[in-house]
């Protein structure tokens, strides 16, 4: 089909045209799948890039503070379960 963008020339697309040529429909299935995979990879890498930069700037809490928060959370959960 003439007038298609170059990425849609991959095999695996559906092309339909009306008998008189007034209506043309093209669904590039292969191109859509490739773009979906690429976008999934890119979008899954973005949070990892930002989280690694934030972790390096964060000030670590002392172990005693982490334990007290864990104990407080465990106590709260215990209180909720025993009500």
N, C-alpha and C. Protein backbone atom coordinates (compact mmCIF):
# COMPACT_ATOMS: atom_id res chain seq x y z
N UNK A 1 0.85 -1.19 0.00
CA UNK A 1 0.00 0.00 0.00
C UNK A 1 0.89 1.24 0.00
N UNK A 2 0.54 2.18 -0.83
CA UNK A 2 1.32 3.41 -0.93
C UNK A 2 0.95 4.37 0.19
N UNK A 3 1.90 5.23 0.55
CA UNK A 3 1.64 6.24 1.55
C UNK A 3 1.76 5.76 2.98
N UNK A 4 2.35 4.59 3.23
CA UNK A 4 2.52 4.09 4.59
C UNK A 4 3.85 4.56 5.16
N UNK A 5 3.90 4.87 6.44
CA UNK A 5 5.18 5.19 7.06
C UNK A 5 6.13 3.99 6.97
N UNK A 6 7.46 4.22 6.96
CA UNK A 6 8.41 3.13 6.78
C UNK A 6 8.35 2.04 7.85
N UNK A 7 8.02 2.38 9.09
CA UNK A 7 7.97 1.37 10.14
C UNK A 7 6.85 0.37 9.93
N UNK A 8 5.85 0.73 9.18
CA UNK A 8 4.73 -0.18 8.97
C UNK A 8 4.98 -1.18 7.86
N UNK A 9 6.15 -1.15 7.27
CA UNK A 9 6.45 -2.06 6.17
C UNK A 9 6.94 -3.42 6.66
N UNK A 10 7.00 -3.64 7.96
CA UNK A 10 7.37 -4.95 8.48
C UNK A 10 6.27 -5.95 8.18
N UNK A 11 6.64 -7.21 8.00
CA UNK A 11 5.60 -8.21 7.75
C UNK A 11 4.76 -8.44 9.00
N UNK A 12 3.55 -8.91 8.83
CA UNK A 12 2.69 -9.22 9.96
C UNK A 12 1.61 -8.20 10.19
N UNK A 13 1.36 -7.35 9.23
CA UNK A 13 0.29 -6.37 9.37
C UNK A 13 -0.93 -6.79 8.58
N UNK A 14 -2.07 -6.26 8.97
CA UNK A 14 -3.31 -6.53 8.25
C UNK A 14 -3.64 -5.34 7.38
N UNK A 15 -3.93 -5.59 6.12
CA UNK A 15 -4.30 -4.53 5.19
C UNK A 15 -5.64 -4.86 4.58
N UNK A 16 -6.56 -3.90 4.63
CA UNK A 16 -7.88 -4.08 4.03
C UNK A 16 -8.17 -2.85 3.17
N UNK A 17 -8.79 -3.11 2.03
CA UNK A 17 -9.17 -2.01 1.15
C UNK A 17 -10.53 -2.32 0.56
N UNK A 18 -11.37 -1.33 0.50
CA UNK A 18 -12.70 -1.54 -0.07
C UNK A 18 -12.56 -1.79 -1.58
N UNK A 19 -13.53 -2.47 -2.18
CA UNK A 19 -13.43 -2.79 -3.61
C UNK A 19 -13.29 -1.57 -4.52
N UNK A 20 -13.92 -0.47 -4.14
CA UNK A 20 -13.81 0.72 -4.99
C UNK A 20 -12.62 1.60 -4.61
N UNK A 21 -11.89 1.24 -3.53
CA UNK A 21 -10.69 1.97 -3.15
C UNK A 21 -10.91 3.20 -2.29
N UNK A 22 -12.15 3.43 -1.85
CA UNK A 22 -12.43 4.60 -1.02
C UNK A 22 -11.92 4.45 0.40
N UNK A 23 -11.90 3.23 0.88
CA UNK A 23 -11.54 3.00 2.28
C UNK A 23 -10.32 2.08 2.34
N UNK A 24 -9.31 2.51 3.12
CA UNK A 24 -8.12 1.69 3.33
C UNK A 24 -7.87 1.60 4.83
N UNK A 25 -7.56 0.40 5.28
CA UNK A 25 -7.26 0.19 6.70
C UNK A 25 -6.01 -0.67 6.79
N UNK A 26 -5.06 -0.24 7.62
CA UNK A 26 -3.84 -1.01 7.81
C UNK A 26 -3.53 -1.08 9.30
N UNK A 27 -3.35 -2.28 9.82
CA UNK A 27 -3.04 -2.47 11.24
C UNK A 27 -1.66 -3.14 11.34
N UNK A 28 -0.62 -2.40 11.69
CA UNK A 28 0.74 -2.96 11.76
C UNK A 28 0.97 -3.73 13.06
N UNK A 29 0.62 -5.01 13.09
CA UNK A 29 0.69 -5.82 14.30
C UNK A 29 2.14 -6.00 14.76
N UNK A 30 3.03 -6.35 13.85
CA UNK A 30 4.44 -6.58 14.21
C UNK A 30 5.07 -5.31 14.75
N UNK A 31 4.84 -4.21 14.06
CA UNK A 31 5.40 -2.93 14.51
C UNK A 31 4.85 -2.56 15.88
N UNK A 32 3.57 -2.80 16.11
CA UNK A 32 2.97 -2.49 17.41
C UNK A 32 3.60 -3.33 18.52
N UNK A 33 3.84 -4.60 18.25
CA UNK A 33 4.47 -5.46 19.26
C UNK A 33 5.90 -5.03 19.56
N UNK A 34 6.66 -4.68 18.52
CA UNK A 34 8.03 -4.23 18.73
C UNK A 34 8.06 -2.93 19.54
N UNK A 35 7.20 -1.98 19.18
CA UNK A 35 7.14 -0.73 19.92
C UNK A 35 6.70 -0.95 21.37
N UNK A 36 5.80 -1.89 21.59
CA UNK A 36 5.35 -2.20 22.94
C UNK A 36 6.49 -2.76 23.79
N UNK A 37 7.28 -3.64 23.21
CA UNK A 37 8.42 -4.21 23.94
C UNK A 37 9.44 -3.13 24.27
N UNK A 38 9.75 -2.29 23.29
CA UNK A 38 10.74 -1.22 23.52
C UNK A 38 10.25 -0.25 24.59
N UNK A 39 8.98 0.15 24.51
CA UNK A 39 8.44 1.08 25.51
C UNK A 39 8.40 0.44 26.90
N UNK A 40 8.09 -0.83 26.98
CA UNK A 40 8.07 -1.52 28.27
C UNK A 40 9.46 -1.53 28.91
N UNK A 41 10.47 -1.79 28.11
CA UNK A 41 11.84 -1.80 28.62
C UNK A 41 12.24 -0.40 29.09
N UNK A 42 11.97 0.60 28.26
CA UNK A 42 12.35 1.97 28.62
C UNK A 42 11.62 2.43 29.88
N UNK A 43 10.30 2.18 29.95
CA UNK A 43 9.53 2.63 31.10
C UNK A 43 9.87 1.86 32.38
N UNK A 44 10.37 0.63 32.25
CA UNK A 44 10.78 -0.10 33.45
C UNK A 44 12.15 0.36 33.93
N UNK A 45 12.95 0.95 33.05
CA UNK A 45 14.27 1.43 33.45
C UNK A 45 14.22 2.81 34.11
N UNK A 46 13.22 3.61 33.77
CA UNK A 46 13.14 4.97 34.31
C UNK A 46 13.06 4.98 35.83
N UNK A 47 12.18 4.22 36.49
CA UNK A 47 12.15 4.26 37.96
C UNK A 47 13.46 3.77 38.59
N UNK A 48 14.10 2.82 37.95
CA UNK A 48 15.37 2.32 38.50
C UNK A 48 16.45 3.39 38.45
N UNK A 49 16.43 4.20 37.40
CA UNK A 49 17.42 5.28 37.31
C UNK A 49 17.20 6.32 38.40
N UNK A 50 15.94 6.68 38.63
CA UNK A 50 15.65 7.69 39.65
C UNK A 50 15.81 7.14 41.06
N UNK A 51 15.48 5.88 41.29
CA UNK A 51 15.58 5.34 42.64
C UNK A 51 17.03 5.16 43.04
N UNK A 52 17.91 4.82 42.12
CA UNK A 52 19.33 4.66 42.48
C UNK A 52 19.95 6.00 42.80
N UNK A 53 19.52 7.08 42.11
CA UNK A 53 20.08 8.39 42.42
C UNK A 53 19.55 8.91 43.75
N UNK A 54 18.33 8.59 44.12
CA UNK A 54 17.78 9.03 45.39
C UNK A 54 18.38 8.25 46.55
N UNK A 55 18.68 6.98 46.36
CA UNK A 55 19.26 6.18 47.43
C UNK A 55 20.65 6.68 47.78
N UNK A 56 21.39 7.16 46.79
CA UNK A 56 22.74 7.62 47.07
C UNK A 56 22.71 8.92 47.87
N UNK A 57 21.66 9.72 47.75
CA UNK A 57 21.56 10.99 48.48
C UNK A 57 20.93 10.82 49.86
N UNK A 58 20.24 9.75 50.07
CA UNK A 58 19.52 9.58 51.33
C UNK A 58 20.48 9.34 52.49
N UNK A 59 20.14 9.91 53.63
CA UNK A 59 20.94 9.71 54.83
C UNK A 59 20.42 8.44 55.51
N UNK A 60 21.29 7.46 55.72
CA UNK A 60 20.81 6.22 56.34
C UNK A 60 20.43 6.44 57.80
N UNK A 61 19.39 5.76 58.24
CA UNK A 61 18.98 5.84 59.63
C UNK A 61 19.81 4.87 60.46
N UNK A 62 20.03 5.20 61.70
CA UNK A 62 20.75 4.27 62.57
C UNK A 62 19.94 2.98 62.76
N UNK A 63 20.62 1.89 63.02
CA UNK A 63 19.95 0.60 63.17
C UNK A 63 18.93 0.64 64.29
N UNK A 64 19.20 1.38 65.38
CA UNK A 64 18.25 1.44 66.49
C UNK A 64 16.94 2.10 66.06
N UNK A 65 17.01 3.10 65.19
CA UNK A 65 15.80 3.76 64.71
C UNK A 65 14.99 2.81 63.84
N UNK A 66 15.68 2.03 63.01
CA UNK A 66 14.96 1.07 62.18
C UNK A 66 14.27 0.01 63.03
N UNK A 67 14.96 -0.46 64.08
CA UNK A 67 14.37 -1.47 64.95
C UNK A 67 13.16 -0.92 65.68
N UNK A 68 13.24 0.32 66.17
CA UNK A 68 12.11 0.87 66.91
C UNK A 68 10.90 1.07 66.00
N UNK A 69 11.14 1.45 64.73
CA UNK A 69 10.02 1.59 63.80
C UNK A 69 9.41 0.24 63.49
N UNK A 70 10.24 -0.78 63.36
CA UNK A 70 9.75 -2.12 63.09
C UNK A 70 8.94 -2.63 64.27
N UNK A 71 9.43 -2.38 65.48
CA UNK A 71 8.70 -2.81 66.67
C UNK A 71 7.38 -2.07 66.80
N UNK A 72 7.38 -0.78 66.48
CA UNK A 72 6.15 -0.01 66.56
C UNK A 72 5.14 -0.52 65.55
N UNK A 73 5.61 -0.85 64.34
CA UNK A 73 4.70 -1.36 63.31
C UNK A 73 4.17 -2.73 63.72
N UNK A 74 5.00 -3.57 64.30
CA UNK A 74 4.57 -4.89 64.75
C UNK A 74 3.56 -4.76 65.89
N UNK A 75 3.78 -3.81 66.78
CA UNK A 75 2.85 -3.59 67.88
C UNK A 75 1.50 -3.11 67.37
N UNK A 76 1.53 -2.19 66.40
CA UNK A 76 0.30 -1.69 65.82
C UNK A 76 -0.48 -2.81 65.13
N UNK A 77 0.22 -3.65 64.37
CA UNK A 77 -0.42 -4.77 63.70
C UNK A 77 -1.00 -5.74 64.72
N UNK A 78 -0.28 -6.00 65.78
CA UNK A 78 -0.76 -6.90 66.82
C UNK A 78 -2.02 -6.34 67.48
N UNK A 79 -2.01 -5.05 67.76
CA UNK A 79 -3.19 -4.41 68.37
C UNK A 79 -4.40 -4.50 67.45
N UNK A 80 -4.18 -4.31 66.14
CA UNK A 80 -5.30 -4.38 65.21
C UNK A 80 -5.87 -5.78 65.10
N UNK A 81 -5.00 -6.78 65.15
CA UNK A 81 -5.46 -8.14 65.01
C UNK A 81 -6.18 -8.66 66.25
N UNK A 82 -5.84 -8.14 67.42
CA UNK A 82 -6.45 -8.62 68.66
C UNK A 82 -7.71 -7.85 69.06
N UNK A 83 -8.15 -6.94 68.24
CA UNK A 83 -9.38 -6.20 68.56
C UNK A 83 -10.59 -6.99 68.20
